[in-house]
N, C-alpha and C. Protein backbone atom coordinates (compact mmCIF):
# COMPACT_ATOMS: atom_id res chain seq x y z
N UNK A 1 66.57 118.33 125.91
CA UNK A 1 67.45 117.53 125.80
C UNK A 1 68.68 117.77 124.82
N UNK A 2 69.62 117.80 125.69
CA UNK A 2 70.85 118.24 125.07
C UNK A 2 71.42 117.29 123.84
N UNK A 3 72.13 118.23 123.09
CA UNK A 3 72.31 117.68 121.43
C UNK A 3 74.15 116.87 121.76
N UNK A 4 74.39 116.17 121.39
CA UNK A 4 75.88 115.58 121.52
C UNK A 4 76.66 115.78 120.19
N UNK A 5 78.02 117.00 120.08
CA UNK A 5 78.48 116.91 118.78
C UNK A 5 79.46 116.10 118.58
N UNK A 6 79.69 115.60 117.48
CA UNK A 6 80.76 114.72 116.90
C UNK A 6 82.08 115.35 116.73
N UNK A 7 82.82 114.85 117.16
CA UNK A 7 84.10 115.68 116.55
C UNK A 7 85.16 114.22 116.06
N UNK A 8 86.47 115.19 115.39
CA UNK A 8 87.58 114.25 115.45
C UNK A 8 88.85 115.10 115.45
N UNK A 9 90.07 114.53 115.88
CA UNK A 9 91.11 115.06 116.54
C UNK A 9 91.95 115.95 115.16
N UNK A 10 92.25 116.87 115.89
CA UNK A 10 93.52 117.53 115.07
C UNK A 10 94.34 116.82 113.54
N UNK A 11 94.41 115.61 114.77
CA UNK A 11 95.56 114.65 114.47
C UNK A 11 95.09 114.34 112.93
N UNK A 12 93.59 113.64 112.88
CA UNK A 12 93.45 112.51 112.75
C UNK A 12 92.78 113.52 110.81
N UNK A 13 92.27 114.49 111.42
CA UNK A 13 91.88 115.72 109.92
C UNK A 13 93.31 115.97 109.28
N UNK A 14 94.05 116.17 109.68
CA UNK A 14 95.34 116.60 109.58
C UNK A 14 95.93 115.33 108.78
N UNK A 15 95.90 114.32 109.44
CA UNK A 15 96.10 112.78 108.17
C UNK A 15 95.35 112.64 106.82
N UNK A 16 94.25 113.09 107.25
CA UNK A 16 93.18 112.47 106.13
C UNK A 16 93.82 113.49 105.18
N UNK A 17 93.67 114.84 105.09
CA UNK A 17 93.95 115.92 104.33
C UNK A 17 95.05 115.81 103.78
N UNK A 18 95.92 115.32 104.25
CA UNK A 18 98.02 115.60 103.63
C UNK A 18 97.94 117.00 104.43
N UNK A 19 97.85 117.56 105.34
CA UNK A 19 98.52 118.77 105.80
C UNK A 19 98.97 118.78 107.27
N UNK A 20 99.81 119.32 107.46
CA UNK A 20 100.52 119.62 109.10
C UNK A 20 99.00 120.45 109.85
N UNK A 21 99.23 119.79 111.08
CA UNK A 21 98.80 120.30 112.11
C UNK A 21 98.96 121.91 112.46
N UNK A 22 100.18 121.92 111.92
CA UNK A 22 100.93 123.54 112.18
C UNK A 22 99.93 124.41 111.20
N UNK A 23 99.36 124.07 109.94
CA UNK A 23 98.78 125.08 109.18
C UNK A 23 97.55 124.98 109.68
N UNK A 24 96.52 123.67 110.24
CA UNK A 24 95.48 124.29 110.98
C UNK A 24 95.74 125.00 111.85
N UNK A 25 96.47 125.12 112.96
CA UNK A 25 96.32 125.68 113.84
C UNK A 25 96.78 127.23 113.37
N UNK A 26 97.69 127.60 112.14
CA UNK A 26 97.34 128.82 111.43
C UNK A 26 96.23 129.09 110.89
N UNK A 27 95.42 128.26 110.56
CA UNK A 27 94.17 128.70 110.20
C UNK A 27 93.17 129.08 111.24
N UNK A 28 93.20 128.28 112.71
CA UNK A 28 92.97 128.59 113.55
C UNK A 28 92.87 129.81 114.21
N UNK A 29 94.38 129.79 114.46
CA UNK A 29 94.99 131.84 114.69
C UNK A 29 94.23 132.49 114.05
N UNK A 30 93.67 132.64 112.90
CA UNK A 30 93.58 133.31 111.70
C UNK A 30 91.77 133.30 111.81
N UNK A 31 91.32 132.03 112.33
CA UNK A 31 89.42 132.49 112.92
C UNK A 31 89.28 131.70 111.98
N UNK A 32 90.04 130.75 110.82
CA UNK A 32 88.49 130.26 110.04
C UNK A 32 88.57 128.61 110.15
N UNK A 33 89.43 128.13 111.32
CA UNK A 33 88.88 126.99 111.80
C UNK A 33 88.85 127.28 113.40
N UNK A 34 88.06 126.16 114.26
CA UNK A 34 87.48 126.50 115.49
C UNK A 34 87.79 124.97 115.84
N UNK A 35 88.95 125.64 116.94
CA UNK A 35 89.52 124.09 117.99
C UNK A 35 89.35 124.04 119.44
N UNK A 36 88.94 122.89 119.46
CA UNK A 36 87.80 122.58 120.94
C UNK A 36 89.02 121.67 121.27
N UNK A 37 89.25 121.54 122.86
CA UNK A 37 90.07 120.88 123.43
C UNK A 37 89.09 120.13 124.56
N UNK A 38 89.38 118.22 124.29
CA UNK A 38 88.30 117.43 124.66
C UNK A 38 89.24 116.48 125.28
N UNK A 39 89.17 116.39 126.36
CA UNK A 39 89.67 115.44 127.10
C UNK A 39 91.32 115.36 126.74
N UNK A 40 91.71 116.82 127.00
CA UNK A 40 93.11 117.28 126.85
C UNK A 40 93.57 117.21 125.00
N UNK A 41 92.76 116.87 123.96
CA UNK A 41 92.98 116.48 122.77
C UNK A 41 92.41 117.79 122.12
N UNK A 42 92.93 118.00 120.88
CA UNK A 42 92.49 119.32 120.22
C UNK A 42 91.79 118.37 119.23
N UNK A 43 90.44 118.86 118.82
CA UNK A 43 89.83 118.39 118.09
C UNK A 43 88.59 119.53 117.40
N UNK A 44 87.85 118.91 116.52
CA UNK A 44 87.47 120.09 115.67
C UNK A 44 85.98 119.14 115.57
N UNK A 45 84.62 119.97 115.46
CA UNK A 45 83.20 119.53 115.32
C UNK A 45 83.04 118.72 114.00
N UNK A 46 82.23 117.85 113.83
CA UNK A 46 82.26 117.05 112.25
C UNK A 46 81.18 118.16 111.57
N UNK A 47 80.75 119.02 112.11
CA UNK A 47 79.37 119.92 111.77
C UNK A 47 80.17 120.54 110.45
N UNK A 48 81.50 121.00 110.86
CA UNK A 48 82.28 122.45 110.33
C UNK A 48 82.89 121.55 109.43
N UNK A 49 83.26 120.10 109.54
CA UNK A 49 84.45 119.63 108.34
C UNK A 49 84.10 120.17 106.85
N UNK A 50 82.60 120.51 106.28
CA UNK A 50 82.61 120.89 105.04
C UNK A 50 83.76 122.07 104.55
N UNK A 51 83.58 123.27 105.68
CA UNK A 51 83.41 124.71 105.67
C UNK A 51 85.16 124.12 105.92
N UNK A 52 85.88 123.65 106.61
CA UNK A 52 87.52 123.48 106.80
C UNK A 52 87.68 122.84 105.49
N UNK A 53 87.20 121.55 104.88
CA UNK A 53 88.22 121.30 104.24
C UNK A 53 88.01 122.15 102.67
N UNK A 54 87.12 123.15 102.81
CA UNK A 54 87.24 124.19 101.58
C UNK A 54 87.59 124.97 101.73
N UNK A 55 88.53 125.29 102.77
CA UNK A 55 89.48 126.54 103.22
C UNK A 55 90.86 125.60 103.06
N UNK A 56 90.89 124.21 102.98
CA UNK A 56 92.34 123.40 103.04
C UNK A 56 92.55 123.37 101.47
N UNK A 57 91.13 123.27 100.66
CA UNK A 57 91.23 122.90 99.03
C UNK A 57 91.74 124.47 98.42
N UNK A 58 91.27 125.97 99.36
CA UNK A 58 91.36 127.30 98.27
C UNK A 58 92.76 126.90 98.75
N UNK A 59 93.50 126.60 99.42
CA UNK A 59 94.65 126.88 100.24
C UNK A 59 95.63 126.09 99.29
N UNK A 60 95.44 125.19 98.98
CA UNK A 60 96.36 123.83 98.67
C UNK A 60 96.22 123.74 97.35
N UNK A 61 94.61 124.28 96.52
CA UNK A 61 94.90 123.86 94.99
C UNK A 61 94.60 125.01 94.38
N UNK A 62 94.53 126.19 94.74
CA UNK A 62 94.39 127.22 94.14
C UNK A 62 95.19 128.43 94.94
N UNK A 63 96.25 128.29 95.75
CA UNK A 63 97.45 129.03 96.48
C UNK A 63 96.63 130.20 97.33
N UNK A 64 95.21 130.09 97.55
CA UNK A 64 94.61 131.06 98.31
C UNK A 64 95.52 131.63 99.28
N UNK A 65 95.35 132.61 100.47
CA UNK A 65 96.05 133.13 101.32
C UNK A 65 94.51 133.13 102.45
N UNK A 66 94.80 133.46 103.23
CA UNK A 66 94.18 133.09 104.85
C UNK A 66 93.07 133.94 104.78
N UNK A 67 93.88 135.16 103.98
CA UNK A 67 92.48 136.55 104.04
C UNK A 67 91.74 136.22 102.88
N UNK A 68 92.25 135.84 102.08
CA UNK A 68 91.41 135.35 100.53
C UNK A 68 90.53 133.90 100.95
N UNK A 69 90.64 133.25 101.99
CA UNK A 69 89.93 132.72 102.39
C UNK A 69 88.84 132.90 102.93
N UNK A 70 89.37 133.55 104.25
CA UNK A 70 88.22 134.31 104.62
C UNK A 70 87.20 135.40 103.93
N UNK A 71 87.66 135.70 103.36
CA UNK A 71 86.36 136.43 102.29
C UNK A 71 85.54 135.83 101.33
N UNK A 72 86.42 134.86 100.82
CA UNK A 72 85.39 133.82 100.22
C UNK A 72 84.88 132.82 100.51
N UNK A 73 84.97 132.14 102.17
CA UNK A 73 83.76 131.49 102.99
C UNK A 73 82.52 132.51 103.29
N UNK A 74 82.91 133.86 103.83
CA UNK A 74 82.19 135.11 103.98
C UNK A 74 81.38 135.31 102.92
N UNK A 75 81.53 134.94 101.90
CA UNK A 75 80.88 135.40 100.69
C UNK A 75 80.24 134.45 100.41
N UNK A 76 80.52 132.82 100.53
CA UNK A 76 79.65 132.16 100.75
C UNK A 76 78.47 131.74 101.40
N UNK A 77 78.86 131.78 102.65
CA UNK A 77 78.08 131.95 103.51
C UNK A 77 76.89 133.05 103.55
N UNK A 78 77.43 133.97 103.02
CA UNK A 78 75.99 134.85 102.34
C UNK A 78 75.11 134.39 101.63
N UNK A 79 76.00 134.35 100.66
CA UNK A 79 75.32 133.41 99.21
C UNK A 79 73.99 132.22 99.65
N UNK A 80 74.71 131.86 100.79
CA UNK A 80 73.77 131.02 101.04
C UNK A 80 72.68 131.37 102.05
N UNK A 81 73.03 132.34 102.84
CA UNK A 81 71.95 132.93 103.97
C UNK A 81 70.59 133.37 102.87
N UNK A 82 71.31 134.21 101.68
CA UNK A 82 70.34 134.99 100.61
C UNK A 82 69.05 133.68 100.05
N UNK A 83 70.26 132.57 99.56
CA UNK A 83 69.75 131.84 98.48
C UNK A 83 68.40 131.36 99.79
N UNK A 84 68.48 130.85 101.05
CA UNK A 84 67.33 130.62 101.59
C UNK A 84 66.21 131.23 102.26
N UNK A 85 66.74 132.82 102.00
CA UNK A 85 65.73 133.99 102.27
C UNK A 85 64.61 133.62 100.95
N UNK A 86 65.43 133.54 99.77
CA UNK A 86 65.06 134.07 98.79
C UNK A 86 63.81 133.10 98.45
N UNK A 87 64.50 131.28 98.66
CA UNK A 87 63.31 130.00 98.77
C UNK A 87 62.12 130.46 99.64
N UNK A 88 62.57 130.69 100.50
CA UNK A 88 61.35 131.01 101.96
C UNK A 88 60.80 132.32 101.56
N UNK A 89 60.99 132.98 101.04
CA UNK A 89 60.08 134.22 100.15
C UNK A 89 59.35 133.47 98.74
N UNK A 90 59.57 132.85 97.96
CA UNK A 90 59.06 131.98 97.55
C UNK A 90 58.18 131.42 97.61
N UNK A 91 58.53 130.91 98.51
CA UNK A 91 57.40 129.91 99.27
C UNK A 91 56.25 131.00 99.85
N UNK A 92 56.11 131.96 100.47
CA UNK A 92 55.14 132.56 100.95
C UNK A 92 54.69 132.87 100.00
N UNK A 93 55.64 133.67 98.64
CA UNK A 93 54.34 134.44 97.35
C UNK A 93 53.79 133.18 96.97
N UNK A 94 54.15 132.04 96.77
CA UNK A 94 53.17 131.04 96.24
C UNK A 94 52.04 130.48 97.07
N UNK A 95 52.16 130.81 98.62
CA UNK A 95 51.24 130.39 99.68
C UNK A 95 50.05 131.57 99.32
N UNK A 96 50.90 132.82 99.33
CA UNK A 96 49.35 133.75 99.28
C UNK A 96 48.99 133.98 97.33
N UNK A 97 49.49 133.65 96.37
CA UNK A 97 49.20 133.75 95.58
C UNK A 97 48.31 132.36 95.16
N UNK A 98 48.15 130.85 96.02
CA UNK A 98 47.15 130.39 95.99
C UNK A 98 45.79 130.34 96.81
N UNK A 99 46.09 131.11 97.94
CA UNK A 99 45.33 131.51 98.34
C UNK A 99 44.26 132.85 98.08
N UNK A 100 45.17 133.69 97.15
CA UNK A 100 44.53 134.59 96.09
C UNK A 100 43.82 134.02 95.19
N UNK A 101 44.01 132.95 94.92
CA UNK A 101 42.99 132.13 93.60
C UNK A 101 41.97 130.91 94.18
N UNK A 102 42.03 131.22 95.36
CA UNK A 102 40.87 130.88 96.06
C UNK A 102 39.60 131.74 96.23
N UNK A 103 39.70 133.29 96.48
CA UNK A 103 38.97 134.31 96.70
C UNK A 103 39.00 134.62 95.11
N UNK A 104 39.49 134.98 94.42
CA UNK A 104 39.10 135.80 92.96
C UNK A 104 39.14 134.45 91.92
N UNK A 105 38.43 134.64 90.83
CA UNK A 105 38.30 133.80 89.81
C UNK A 105 39.98 133.83 88.98
N UNK A 106 40.25 132.82 87.99
CA UNK A 106 41.41 133.15 87.56
C UNK A 106 41.93 134.12 86.73
N UNK A 107 40.75 134.40 85.94
CA UNK A 107 40.82 135.60 85.13
C UNK A 107 41.11 136.71 85.45
N UNK A 108 40.80 137.13 86.76
CA UNK A 108 40.96 138.18 87.21
C UNK A 108 42.58 138.51 87.29
N UNK A 109 43.71 137.60 87.13
CA UNK A 109 44.81 137.94 87.02
C UNK A 109 45.10 137.24 86.04
N UNK A 110 44.92 136.70 84.63
CA UNK A 110 45.39 137.01 83.42
C UNK A 110 45.41 138.53 83.08
N UNK A 111 47.06 139.20 83.04
CA UNK A 111 46.97 140.53 82.24
C UNK A 111 48.04 140.06 81.40
N UNK A 112 47.91 140.55 80.70
CA UNK A 112 49.26 140.29 79.34
C UNK A 112 50.02 141.67 79.42
């Protein structure tokens, strides 16, 4: 089954965030924002809104340039990936610890 992605027009996004469409297009040209054409209207997908809003906040509130935004967003994505992997490994370790406790008495593991 195909999934339908929701989108917002570039103009709506710009108006809501009180930024120019030109700035958003500059971000898109730099690769920070992905613009799609839907029925000859420039749009962005709603799934990406949080990332795009973060880019705008970094630029507007902190004066971070496009290169800096790219680095910050990239580092944040890597951090999120690493946190997800850490959570997966913790879950796996817990599962194996529980299995070990069924095979051996608890005293076997008590080491000071």
